[in-house]
Each structure stands twice: as structure tokens, then as C-alpha cells.
Amino acid sequence: MKRALFAVPLFTVSLVLSACADVKGPPIAASKKTLADSADQVIYGQRMTITDRGLNRAEILSDTAYFFDENTRTEMRIVHGIFYDAQGLKDAILTSRTGLYNQRLNALEARGDVVITTLDGRRLETPFVRYDQRINLISSDTVFTMTTPDGKLLHGIGFSTDPDLQNFREFKHLNGKAGAVAVPK
């Protein structure tokens, strides 16, 4: 009986000591550097207006924006952009996973599942595009798929176009499905 009474406190002490042992858990801080670590400023729910001589050319919204280089370079996550024509009317909508806006160059780069949709139903899908505000030109040197409102498909590598996808110029044609072509007499 005395042995049992002695064993209970000894067992209790061993439980308390084992609970105080140094157990490693998950790290509290990230083990690698993130964009937020070196950014001058971080904004959540960012909205940026790109203008040319007082006229809206584009409006860029992002879930998160990281500002660098004295706030002249902006890295963005979950990008939604709206392009406007020369009269200031909505022209096309851009979406992408990430983006970069360089204020010094007046250039926007969209990366990752980029989709541009115009009001008349044209749709351009590509992994990367560059928008040069100075000449109002969207371009890329990678693969793309263009769908017209009537369902025609165009696949190629590299293109340049205006934001409403009307003056489209492809660099290398891969394949496509087109409708009837009228041949002049």
C-alpha cells in the first residue's frame, strides 16, 4: 500500500516535468523573405488611375500592392484593370494574377492567366502582356488565344494591339478556326 501511495506522486511529478520539456513547434515567423519585407509601402485594396493629359486611360485595382523605388514601381496581386478609349469611355477589361506598374516608364505588365475582354465580346488569353501607356499599345512575345464574338479562334505566338483588340497584329500564327473568306473578283 505504501508503494502505491509513493508511486502516485512520483508519476505526477514525471508528468509535470515531461510537459515542461522543450518541444519545437512551427516557426512563428516566415523563414524566407517576402515582398512586404522590402516594400516601401503596402496597400490592401489598392486603386490606381492612369491618365494622359487629364483623360482616363486605365484604372488598375489590385488586392494587394507593394510599392518600391520611392513609390515609382508597384508590384500587385490579383489585378483587375479597366481600359478607356480616347473619349474616356470603357474599352476593355483585364484580369491577371499579378502585375507590375512602372510609373517612370508608364508601363503595366500583367502576368499569370491574363484575360482581356472587350465590350464587343473579343477575348484574349495569354500568360503575359505589357501595356505601354505612351503609345496606347498592348503587346506580348508569348503564346496567346484570341476568340472573336462569332466564335473564331486564333492561336499564335506574340502580338501587338490596341486595348480594344481592334488593330490586332500577330507575330507568329500557330493555328485557328475562321469563317468564310470573301475573295474579290
N, C-alpha and C. Protein backbone atom coordinates (compact mmCIF):
# COMPACT_ATOMS: atom_id res chain seq x y z
N MET A 1 0.82 -1.18 0.00
CA MET A 1 0.00 0.00 0.00
C MET A 1 0.86 1.25 0.00
N LYS A 2 1.96 1.23 0.81
CA LYS A 2 2.84 2.37 0.86
C LYS A 2 3.49 2.61 -0.50
N ARG A 3 3.80 1.51 -1.17
CA ARG A 3 4.39 1.63 -2.51
C ARG A 3 3.44 2.35 -3.45
N ALA A 4 2.17 2.05 -3.43
CA ALA A 4 1.17 2.67 -4.31
C ALA A 4 1.03 4.14 -3.99
N LEU A 5 1.07 4.51 -2.71
CA LEU A 5 0.97 5.91 -2.33
C LEU A 5 2.20 6.69 -2.79
N PHE A 6 3.35 6.05 -2.77
CA PHE A 6 4.58 6.69 -3.22
C PHE A 6 4.61 6.81 -4.74
N ALA A 7 4.04 5.86 -5.46
CA ALA A 7 4.07 5.83 -6.94
C ALA A 7 3.20 6.93 -7.53
N VAL A 8 2.08 7.27 -6.91
CA VAL A 8 1.18 8.30 -7.45
C VAL A 8 1.88 9.66 -7.50
N PRO A 9 2.51 10.18 -6.42
CA PRO A 9 3.20 11.47 -6.52
C PRO A 9 4.37 11.42 -7.50
N LEU A 10 5.08 10.31 -7.55
CA LEU A 10 6.20 10.19 -8.49
C LEU A 10 5.71 10.25 -9.93
N PHE A 11 4.60 9.59 -10.22
CA PHE A 11 4.00 9.62 -11.56
C PHE A 11 3.55 11.05 -11.92
N THR A 12 2.97 11.76 -10.95
CA THR A 12 2.50 13.13 -11.15
C THR A 12 3.68 14.05 -11.44
N VAL A 13 4.76 13.93 -10.72
CA VAL A 13 5.95 14.75 -10.93
C VAL A 13 6.54 14.48 -12.31
N SER A 14 6.58 13.24 -12.73
CA SER A 14 7.13 12.92 -14.06
C SER A 14 6.25 13.49 -15.17
N LEU A 15 4.93 13.52 -14.98
CA LEU A 15 4.04 14.14 -15.98
C LEU A 15 4.29 15.64 -16.09
N VAL A 16 4.45 16.31 -14.96
CA VAL A 16 4.69 17.75 -14.94
C VAL A 16 6.02 18.05 -15.62
N LEU A 17 7.06 17.30 -15.33
CA LEU A 17 8.37 17.52 -15.93
C LEU A 17 8.35 17.27 -17.44
N SER A 18 7.64 16.26 -17.89
CA SER A 18 7.58 15.99 -19.33
C SER A 18 6.79 17.07 -20.06
N ALA A 19 5.83 17.70 -19.41
CA ALA A 19 5.06 18.79 -20.03
C ALA A 19 5.92 20.03 -20.20
N CYS A 20 6.94 20.18 -19.36
CA CYS A 20 7.81 21.36 -19.44
C CYS A 20 8.97 21.16 -20.40
N ALA A 21 9.07 20.01 -21.03
CA ALA A 21 10.17 19.75 -21.96
C ALA A 21 10.09 20.69 -23.15
N ASP A 22 11.25 20.97 -23.74
CA ASP A 22 11.34 21.90 -24.88
C ASP A 22 10.84 21.18 -26.14
N VAL A 23 9.63 21.45 -26.55
CA VAL A 23 9.04 20.86 -27.73
C VAL A 23 9.04 21.91 -28.83
N LYS A 24 9.62 21.57 -29.99
CA LYS A 24 9.66 22.52 -31.10
C LYS A 24 8.35 22.46 -31.88
N GLY A 25 7.76 23.64 -32.08
CA GLY A 25 6.53 23.74 -32.85
C GLY A 25 6.83 24.44 -34.17
N PRO A 26 5.80 24.83 -34.88
CA PRO A 26 6.01 25.53 -36.15
C PRO A 26 6.65 26.89 -35.89
N PRO A 27 7.45 27.37 -36.85
CA PRO A 27 8.08 28.67 -36.65
C PRO A 27 7.04 29.79 -36.58
N ILE A 28 7.32 30.78 -35.78
CA ILE A 28 6.39 31.90 -35.61
C ILE A 28 6.49 32.85 -36.80
N ALA A 29 7.69 33.06 -37.32
CA ALA A 29 7.90 33.98 -38.45
C ALA A 29 8.22 33.18 -39.71
N ALA A 30 8.00 33.80 -40.86
CA ALA A 30 8.31 33.16 -42.13
C ALA A 30 9.81 32.95 -42.23
N SER A 31 10.22 31.82 -42.79
CA SER A 31 11.64 31.52 -42.90
C SER A 31 12.28 32.17 -44.11
N LYS A 32 11.49 32.68 -45.05
CA LYS A 32 12.06 33.35 -46.21
C LYS A 32 11.49 34.76 -46.32
N LYS A 33 12.20 35.61 -47.05
CA LYS A 33 11.77 36.99 -47.19
C LYS A 33 10.57 37.06 -48.15
N THR A 34 9.68 38.00 -47.89
CA THR A 34 8.53 38.22 -48.75
C THR A 34 8.63 39.62 -49.35
N LEU A 35 7.77 39.92 -50.32
CA LEU A 35 7.76 41.26 -50.91
C LEU A 35 7.49 42.33 -49.86
N ALA A 36 6.64 42.02 -48.92
CA ALA A 36 6.28 43.00 -47.89
C ALA A 36 7.48 43.38 -47.02
N ASP A 37 8.47 42.49 -46.91
CA ASP A 37 9.65 42.78 -46.09
C ASP A 37 10.48 43.92 -46.64
N SER A 38 10.54 44.07 -47.96
CA SER A 38 11.40 45.10 -48.54
C SER A 38 10.61 46.23 -49.20
N ALA A 39 9.30 46.19 -49.15
CA ALA A 39 8.48 47.23 -49.79
C ALA A 39 8.55 48.53 -48.99
N ASP A 40 8.50 49.65 -49.73
CA ASP A 40 8.42 50.96 -49.08
C ASP A 40 7.06 51.14 -48.42
N GLN A 41 6.04 50.56 -49.07
CA GLN A 41 4.67 50.72 -48.59
C GLN A 41 3.85 49.53 -49.09
N VAL A 42 2.88 49.09 -48.31
CA VAL A 42 1.97 48.01 -48.70
C VAL A 42 0.55 48.53 -48.55
N ILE A 43 -0.26 48.34 -49.61
CA ILE A 43 -1.65 48.78 -49.57
C ILE A 43 -2.54 47.60 -49.93
N TYR A 44 -3.58 47.39 -49.15
CA TYR A 44 -4.57 46.36 -49.44
C TYR A 44 -5.78 47.03 -50.05
N GLY A 45 -6.30 46.48 -51.14
CA GLY A 45 -7.44 47.08 -51.83
C GLY A 45 -7.03 48.35 -52.57
N GLN A 46 -5.95 48.28 -53.32
CA GLN A 46 -5.37 49.43 -54.00
C GLN A 46 -6.13 49.78 -55.29
N ARG A 47 -6.25 51.07 -55.58
CA ARG A 47 -6.88 51.56 -56.81
C ARG A 47 -5.99 52.64 -57.39
N MET A 48 -5.60 52.49 -58.66
CA MET A 48 -4.70 53.41 -59.31
C MET A 48 -5.33 53.87 -60.63
N THR A 49 -5.30 55.16 -60.90
CA THR A 49 -5.83 55.70 -62.15
C THR A 49 -4.66 56.16 -63.02
N ILE A 50 -4.63 55.68 -64.26
CA ILE A 50 -3.59 56.08 -65.21
C ILE A 50 -4.23 57.06 -66.18
N THR A 51 -3.68 58.27 -66.23
CA THR A 51 -4.25 59.32 -67.08
C THR A 51 -3.24 59.80 -68.11
N ASP A 52 -3.75 60.42 -69.16
CA ASP A 52 -2.92 61.03 -70.20
C ASP A 52 -3.55 62.38 -70.54
N ARG A 53 -2.89 63.45 -70.17
CA ARG A 53 -3.38 64.82 -70.39
C ARG A 53 -4.79 65.01 -69.83
N GLY A 54 -5.02 64.49 -68.63
CA GLY A 54 -6.30 64.65 -67.95
C GLY A 54 -7.37 63.66 -68.35
N LEU A 55 -7.09 62.76 -69.28
CA LEU A 55 -8.06 61.78 -69.75
C LEU A 55 -7.73 60.41 -69.17
N ASN A 56 -8.73 59.72 -68.61
CA ASN A 56 -8.51 58.36 -68.09
C ASN A 56 -8.09 57.44 -69.22
N ARG A 57 -6.98 56.71 -69.03
CA ARG A 57 -6.56 55.69 -69.99
C ARG A 57 -6.78 54.30 -69.40
N ALA A 58 -6.60 54.19 -68.07
CA ALA A 58 -6.80 52.89 -67.41
C ALA A 58 -7.02 53.12 -65.93
N GLU A 59 -7.73 52.17 -65.34
CA GLU A 59 -7.91 52.14 -63.90
C GLU A 59 -7.50 50.74 -63.46
N ILE A 60 -6.55 50.66 -62.53
CA ILE A 60 -6.00 49.39 -62.10
C ILE A 60 -6.35 49.17 -60.63
N LEU A 61 -7.01 48.06 -60.35
CA LEU A 61 -7.35 47.69 -58.99
C LEU A 61 -6.59 46.41 -58.65
N SER A 62 -6.16 46.29 -57.41
CA SER A 62 -5.47 45.07 -57.01
C SER A 62 -5.81 44.75 -55.56
N ASP A 63 -5.74 43.47 -55.26
CA ASP A 63 -6.00 43.01 -53.91
C ASP A 63 -4.92 43.54 -52.96
N THR A 64 -3.65 43.43 -53.38
CA THR A 64 -2.52 43.89 -52.58
C THR A 64 -1.52 44.56 -53.50
N ALA A 65 -0.96 45.69 -53.06
CA ALA A 65 0.05 46.42 -53.85
C ALA A 65 1.26 46.69 -52.97
N TYR A 66 2.45 46.39 -53.52
CA TYR A 66 3.72 46.63 -52.84
C TYR A 66 4.45 47.72 -53.62
N PHE A 67 4.81 48.81 -52.96
CA PHE A 67 5.46 49.93 -53.62
C PHE A 67 6.96 49.90 -53.34
N PHE A 68 7.77 50.14 -54.41
CA PHE A 68 9.22 50.14 -54.33
C PHE A 68 9.78 51.37 -55.04
N ASP A 69 11.08 51.59 -54.89
CA ASP A 69 11.81 52.64 -55.61
C ASP A 69 11.12 54.00 -55.49
N GLU A 70 10.96 54.44 -54.25
CA GLU A 70 10.32 55.72 -53.97
C GLU A 70 8.91 55.80 -54.57
N ASN A 71 8.20 54.69 -54.46
CA ASN A 71 6.80 54.57 -54.92
C ASN A 71 6.63 54.76 -56.42
N THR A 72 7.66 54.46 -57.23
CA THR A 72 7.54 54.55 -58.69
C THR A 72 7.33 53.19 -59.33
N ARG A 73 7.52 52.11 -58.57
CA ARG A 73 7.31 50.75 -59.09
C ARG A 73 6.36 50.04 -58.14
N THR A 74 5.28 49.49 -58.70
CA THR A 74 4.25 48.85 -57.89
C THR A 74 4.06 47.40 -58.33
N GLU A 75 4.30 46.46 -57.42
CA GLU A 75 4.01 45.04 -57.64
C GLU A 75 2.62 44.78 -57.09
N MET A 76 1.77 44.12 -57.89
CA MET A 76 0.38 43.92 -57.47
C MET A 76 0.00 42.44 -57.52
N ARG A 77 -0.95 42.07 -56.68
CA ARG A 77 -1.51 40.72 -56.64
C ARG A 77 -3.01 40.83 -56.92
N ILE A 78 -3.54 39.88 -57.67
CA ILE A 78 -4.95 39.81 -58.07
C ILE A 78 -5.35 41.15 -58.71
N VAL A 79 -5.02 41.27 -60.00
CA VAL A 79 -5.17 42.53 -60.73
C VAL A 79 -6.45 42.53 -61.54
N HIS A 80 -7.14 43.67 -61.53
CA HIS A 80 -8.33 43.91 -62.33
C HIS A 80 -8.16 45.30 -62.93
N GLY A 81 -8.07 45.36 -64.26
CA GLY A 81 -7.86 46.64 -64.92
C GLY A 81 -8.97 46.97 -65.88
N ILE A 82 -9.25 48.26 -66.03
CA ILE A 82 -10.25 48.75 -66.98
C ILE A 82 -9.55 49.74 -67.89
N PHE A 83 -9.63 49.52 -69.21
CA PHE A 83 -9.04 50.43 -70.19
C PHE A 83 -10.12 51.34 -70.74
N TYR A 84 -9.73 52.58 -71.07
CA TYR A 84 -10.65 53.56 -71.63
C TYR A 84 -10.15 54.03 -72.98
N ASP A 85 -11.09 54.39 -73.88
CA ASP A 85 -10.71 54.86 -75.21
C ASP A 85 -10.38 56.36 -75.18
N ALA A 86 -10.14 56.94 -76.36
CA ALA A 86 -9.73 58.34 -76.48
C ALA A 86 -10.81 59.31 -75.98
N GLN A 87 -12.06 58.87 -75.93
CA GLN A 87 -13.15 59.72 -75.43
C GLN A 87 -13.39 59.51 -73.93
N GLY A 88 -12.64 58.58 -73.32
CA GLY A 88 -12.80 58.31 -71.90
C GLY A 88 -13.86 57.28 -71.59
N LEU A 89 -14.34 56.55 -72.61
CA LEU A 89 -15.36 55.51 -72.41
C LEU A 89 -14.69 54.16 -72.17
N LYS A 90 -15.33 53.30 -71.38
CA LYS A 90 -14.79 51.97 -71.09
C LYS A 90 -14.58 51.21 -72.39
N ASP A 91 -13.39 50.61 -72.51
CA ASP A 91 -12.97 49.94 -73.74
C ASP A 91 -12.81 48.43 -73.55
N ALA A 92 -12.09 48.02 -72.50
CA ALA A 92 -11.79 46.61 -72.27
C ALA A 92 -11.48 46.39 -70.80
N ILE A 93 -11.54 45.11 -70.39
CA ILE A 93 -11.26 44.74 -69.01
C ILE A 93 -10.14 43.70 -69.01
N LEU A 94 -9.18 43.88 -68.12
CA LEU A 94 -8.05 42.97 -67.97
C LEU A 94 -8.08 42.35 -66.58
N THR A 95 -7.79 41.05 -66.50
CA THR A 95 -7.60 40.39 -65.21
C THR A 95 -6.32 39.57 -65.28
N SER A 96 -5.62 39.47 -64.15
CA SER A 96 -4.42 38.64 -64.07
C SER A 96 -4.12 38.33 -62.61
N ARG A 97 -3.24 37.36 -62.40
CA ARG A 97 -2.86 37.01 -61.03
C ARG A 97 -1.93 38.04 -60.42
N THR A 98 -0.95 38.54 -61.21
CA THR A 98 -0.01 39.54 -60.70
C THR A 98 0.20 40.62 -61.74
N GLY A 99 0.80 41.71 -61.31
CA GLY A 99 1.09 42.80 -62.23
C GLY A 99 2.20 43.68 -61.70
N LEU A 100 2.77 44.47 -62.58
CA LEU A 100 3.81 45.43 -62.23
C LEU A 100 3.54 46.71 -62.98
N TYR A 101 3.44 47.83 -62.27
CA TYR A 101 3.29 49.13 -62.92
C TYR A 101 4.53 49.96 -62.64
N ASN A 102 5.19 50.42 -63.71
CA ASN A 102 6.37 51.25 -63.60
C ASN A 102 5.98 52.67 -63.99
N GLN A 103 5.93 53.55 -63.01
CA GLN A 103 5.50 54.93 -63.25
C GLN A 103 6.50 55.69 -64.10
N ARG A 104 7.78 55.38 -63.97
CA ARG A 104 8.81 56.08 -64.76
C ARG A 104 8.68 55.78 -66.25
N LEU A 105 8.31 54.53 -66.57
CA LEU A 105 8.17 54.12 -67.97
C LEU A 105 6.73 54.20 -68.47
N ASN A 106 5.78 54.49 -67.58
CA ASN A 106 4.36 54.46 -67.91
C ASN A 106 3.98 53.13 -68.55
N ALA A 107 4.40 52.04 -67.89
CA ALA A 107 4.17 50.71 -68.45
C ALA A 107 3.58 49.79 -67.38
N LEU A 108 2.61 48.99 -67.80
CA LEU A 108 1.98 47.99 -66.94
C LEU A 108 2.28 46.62 -67.52
N GLU A 109 2.73 45.70 -66.68
CA GLU A 109 2.90 44.30 -67.08
C GLU A 109 1.93 43.47 -66.27
N ALA A 110 1.19 42.61 -66.94
CA ALA A 110 0.27 41.68 -66.27
C ALA A 110 0.78 40.28 -66.51
N ARG A 111 0.81 39.46 -65.44
CA ARG A 111 1.38 38.12 -65.52
C ARG A 111 0.44 37.11 -64.86
N GLY A 112 0.40 35.92 -65.44
CA GLY A 112 -0.36 34.83 -64.84
C GLY A 112 -1.83 34.85 -65.20
N ASP A 113 -2.24 33.97 -66.11
CA ASP A 113 -3.65 33.83 -66.51
C ASP A 113 -4.26 35.18 -66.90
N VAL A 114 -3.60 35.88 -67.79
CA VAL A 114 -4.08 37.19 -68.24
C VAL A 114 -5.25 36.99 -69.20
N VAL A 115 -6.34 37.71 -68.96
CA VAL A 115 -7.51 37.68 -69.84
C VAL A 115 -7.91 39.13 -70.10
N ILE A 116 -8.05 39.49 -71.38
CA ILE A 116 -8.55 40.80 -71.77
C ILE A 116 -9.84 40.57 -72.52
N THR A 117 -10.91 41.21 -72.07
CA THR A 117 -12.22 41.08 -72.69
C THR A 117 -12.71 42.46 -73.09
N THR A 118 -13.13 42.59 -74.35
CA THR A 118 -13.65 43.88 -74.83
C THR A 118 -15.16 43.91 -74.69
N LEU A 119 -15.72 45.10 -74.81
CA LEU A 119 -17.17 45.25 -74.68
C LEU A 119 -17.93 44.56 -75.81
N ASP A 120 -17.30 44.43 -77.00
CA ASP A 120 -17.98 43.77 -78.11
C ASP A 120 -17.80 42.25 -78.10
N GLY A 121 -17.11 41.68 -77.09
CA GLY A 121 -17.04 40.23 -76.94
C GLY A 121 -15.74 39.58 -77.35
N ARG A 122 -14.73 40.32 -77.76
CA ARG A 122 -13.44 39.71 -78.07
C ARG A 122 -12.79 39.30 -76.75
N ARG A 123 -12.03 38.20 -76.81
CA ARG A 123 -11.38 37.70 -75.60
C ARG A 123 -9.96 37.24 -75.95
N LEU A 124 -8.99 37.75 -75.22
CA LEU A 124 -7.59 37.40 -75.42
C LEU A 124 -7.08 36.75 -74.14
N GLU A 125 -6.48 35.55 -74.28
CA GLU A 125 -5.92 34.83 -73.14
C GLU A 125 -4.45 34.58 -73.40
N THR A 126 -3.61 34.90 -72.41
CA THR A 126 -2.16 34.75 -72.54
C THR A 126 -1.53 34.75 -71.17
N PRO A 127 -0.32 34.24 -71.01
CA PRO A 127 0.33 34.28 -69.70
C PRO A 127 0.93 35.64 -69.34
N PHE A 128 1.15 36.52 -70.33
CA PHE A 128 1.85 37.78 -70.07
C PHE A 128 1.47 38.84 -71.10
N VAL A 129 1.24 40.06 -70.66
CA VAL A 129 1.08 41.21 -71.57
C VAL A 129 1.79 42.43 -70.99
N ARG A 130 2.14 43.33 -71.87
CA ARG A 130 2.75 44.60 -71.48
C ARG A 130 1.90 45.72 -72.11
N TYR A 131 1.49 46.69 -71.31
CA TYR A 131 0.73 47.85 -71.79
C TYR A 131 1.62 49.08 -71.70
N ASP A 132 1.86 49.71 -72.84
CA ASP A 132 2.65 50.94 -72.89
C ASP A 132 1.69 52.11 -73.04
N GLN A 133 1.56 52.86 -71.97
CA GLN A 133 0.60 53.97 -71.95
C GLN A 133 0.97 55.06 -72.95
N ARG A 134 2.26 55.30 -73.17
CA ARG A 134 2.69 56.39 -74.06
C ARG A 134 2.18 56.21 -75.48
N ILE A 135 2.10 54.96 -75.95
CA ILE A 135 1.63 54.72 -77.33
C ILE A 135 0.31 53.93 -77.34
N ASN A 136 -0.28 53.71 -76.16
CA ASN A 136 -1.56 53.01 -76.02
C ASN A 136 -1.54 51.66 -76.74
N LEU A 137 -0.54 50.83 -76.39
CA LEU A 137 -0.32 49.57 -77.08
C LEU A 137 -0.16 48.43 -76.08
N ILE A 138 -0.86 47.32 -76.34
CA ILE A 138 -0.71 46.09 -75.57
C ILE A 138 0.08 45.13 -76.44
N SER A 139 1.10 44.48 -75.85
CA SER A 139 1.92 43.55 -76.62
C SER A 139 2.39 42.40 -75.76
N SER A 140 2.84 41.35 -76.43
CA SER A 140 3.39 40.19 -75.74
C SER A 140 4.24 39.41 -76.72
N ASP A 141 5.18 38.63 -76.20
CA ASP A 141 6.01 37.78 -77.05
C ASP A 141 5.81 36.31 -76.73
N THR A 142 4.69 35.98 -76.11
CA THR A 142 4.42 34.61 -75.72
C THR A 142 3.14 34.10 -76.39
N VAL A 143 2.74 32.88 -76.09
CA VAL A 143 1.57 32.27 -76.72
C VAL A 143 0.30 33.02 -76.32
N PHE A 144 -0.69 32.94 -77.19
CA PHE A 144 -1.98 33.58 -76.90
C PHE A 144 -3.09 32.83 -77.62
N THR A 145 -4.31 33.04 -77.15
CA THR A 145 -5.52 32.57 -77.82
C THR A 145 -6.48 33.74 -77.87
N MET A 146 -6.95 34.03 -79.08
CA MET A 146 -7.90 35.13 -79.29
C MET A 146 -9.21 34.52 -79.77
N THR A 147 -10.30 34.91 -79.12
CA THR A 147 -11.64 34.45 -79.50
C THR A 147 -12.45 35.67 -79.92
N THR A 148 -13.05 35.60 -81.09
CA THR A 148 -13.88 36.70 -81.58
C THR A 148 -15.33 36.49 -81.14
N PRO A 149 -16.16 37.52 -81.25
CA PRO A 149 -17.56 37.37 -80.82
C PRO A 149 -18.31 36.27 -81.55
N ASP A 150 -17.94 35.97 -82.80
CA ASP A 150 -18.63 34.92 -83.55
C ASP A 150 -18.01 33.54 -83.35
N GLY A 151 -17.09 33.39 -82.39
CA GLY A 151 -16.53 32.09 -82.03
C GLY A 151 -15.28 31.68 -82.78
N LYS A 152 -14.73 32.53 -83.61
CA LYS A 152 -13.49 32.19 -84.33
C LYS A 152 -12.33 32.22 -83.35
N LEU A 153 -11.43 31.24 -83.51
CA LEU A 153 -10.26 31.13 -82.64
C LEU A 153 -8.99 31.43 -83.40
N LEU A 154 -8.05 32.06 -82.73
CA LEU A 154 -6.75 32.35 -83.32
C LEU A 154 -5.70 32.02 -82.26
N HIS A 155 -4.75 31.14 -82.61
CA HIS A 155 -3.66 30.77 -81.71
C HIS A 155 -2.36 31.22 -82.34
N GLY A 156 -1.50 31.84 -81.54
CA GLY A 156 -0.23 32.29 -82.08
C GLY A 156 0.78 32.56 -80.98
N ILE A 157 1.91 33.09 -81.43
CA ILE A 157 2.98 33.48 -80.51
C ILE A 157 3.32 34.93 -80.80
N GLY A 158 3.14 35.78 -79.83
CA GLY A 158 3.47 37.19 -79.95
C GLY A 158 2.41 37.99 -80.68
N PHE A 159 2.13 39.19 -80.17
CA PHE A 159 1.15 40.06 -80.80
C PHE A 159 1.34 41.49 -80.31
N SER A 160 0.71 42.41 -81.01
CA SER A 160 0.58 43.79 -80.54
C SER A 160 -0.80 44.27 -80.97
N THR A 161 -1.41 45.10 -80.12
CA THR A 161 -2.78 45.55 -80.38
C THR A 161 -3.09 46.78 -79.53
N ASP A 162 -4.16 47.44 -79.87
CA ASP A 162 -4.69 48.50 -79.01
C ASP A 162 -5.53 47.83 -77.92
N PRO A 163 -5.87 48.53 -76.83
CA PRO A 163 -6.60 47.89 -75.73
C PRO A 163 -7.95 47.28 -76.11
N ASP A 164 -8.63 47.78 -77.15
CA ASP A 164 -9.92 47.18 -77.51
C ASP A 164 -9.78 46.04 -78.52
N LEU A 165 -8.55 45.60 -78.78
CA LEU A 165 -8.23 44.44 -79.62
C LEU A 165 -8.74 44.59 -81.06
N GLN A 166 -8.89 45.80 -81.55
CA GLN A 166 -9.36 46.02 -82.93
C GLN A 166 -8.21 45.95 -83.94
N ASN A 167 -7.09 46.57 -83.65
CA ASN A 167 -5.94 46.59 -84.56
C ASN A 167 -4.94 45.53 -84.12
N PHE A 168 -5.32 44.27 -84.27
CA PHE A 168 -4.56 43.14 -83.77
C PHE A 168 -3.55 42.68 -84.81
N ARG A 169 -2.29 42.54 -84.39
CA ARG A 169 -1.22 42.07 -85.28
C ARG A 169 -0.50 40.93 -84.58
N GLU A 170 -0.56 39.74 -85.15
CA GLU A 170 0.14 38.61 -84.56
C GLU A 170 1.52 38.45 -85.19
N PHE A 171 2.47 37.95 -84.42
CA PHE A 171 3.83 37.78 -84.93
C PHE A 171 4.04 36.41 -85.55
N LYS A 172 3.50 35.35 -84.94
CA LYS A 172 3.62 34.00 -85.49
C LYS A 172 2.30 33.28 -85.32
N HIS A 173 1.74 32.85 -86.44
CA HIS A 173 0.45 32.16 -86.42
C HIS A 173 0.68 30.66 -86.18
N LEU A 174 -0.04 30.08 -85.22
CA LEU A 174 0.06 28.64 -84.97
C LEU A 174 -1.08 27.90 -85.64
N ASN A 175 -2.31 28.24 -85.32
CA ASN A 175 -3.48 27.67 -85.99
C ASN A 175 -4.70 28.47 -85.58
N GLY A 176 -5.80 28.17 -86.21
CA GLY A 176 -7.03 28.88 -85.89
C GLY A 176 -8.18 28.31 -86.66
N LYS A 177 -9.38 28.75 -86.30
CA LYS A 177 -10.60 28.33 -86.97
C LYS A 177 -11.32 29.60 -87.38
N ALA A 178 -11.45 29.80 -88.67
CA ALA A 178 -12.08 31.03 -89.16
C ALA A 178 -13.32 30.67 -89.97
N GLY A 179 -14.10 31.68 -90.24
CA GLY A 179 -15.31 31.51 -91.04
C GLY A 179 -15.00 31.66 -92.52
N ALA A 180 -16.05 31.89 -93.30
CA ALA A 180 -15.91 32.06 -94.74
C ALA A 180 -15.13 33.32 -95.05
N VAL A 181 -14.32 33.24 -96.09
CA VAL A 181 -13.50 34.37 -96.52
C VAL A 181 -14.00 34.80 -97.90
N ALA A 182 -14.30 36.09 -98.03
CA ALA A 182 -14.76 36.60 -99.33
C ALA A 182 -13.55 36.90 -100.20
N VAL A 183 -13.53 36.31 -101.40
CA VAL A 183 -12.43 36.52 -102.33
C VAL A 183 -12.89 37.54 -103.38
N PRO A 184 -12.16 38.63 -103.56
CA PRO A 184 -12.58 39.62 -104.55
C PRO A 184 -12.41 39.08 -105.97
N LYS A 185 -13.28 39.54 -106.89
CA LYS A 185 -13.23 39.07 -108.29
C LYS A 185 -12.20 39.80 -109.09
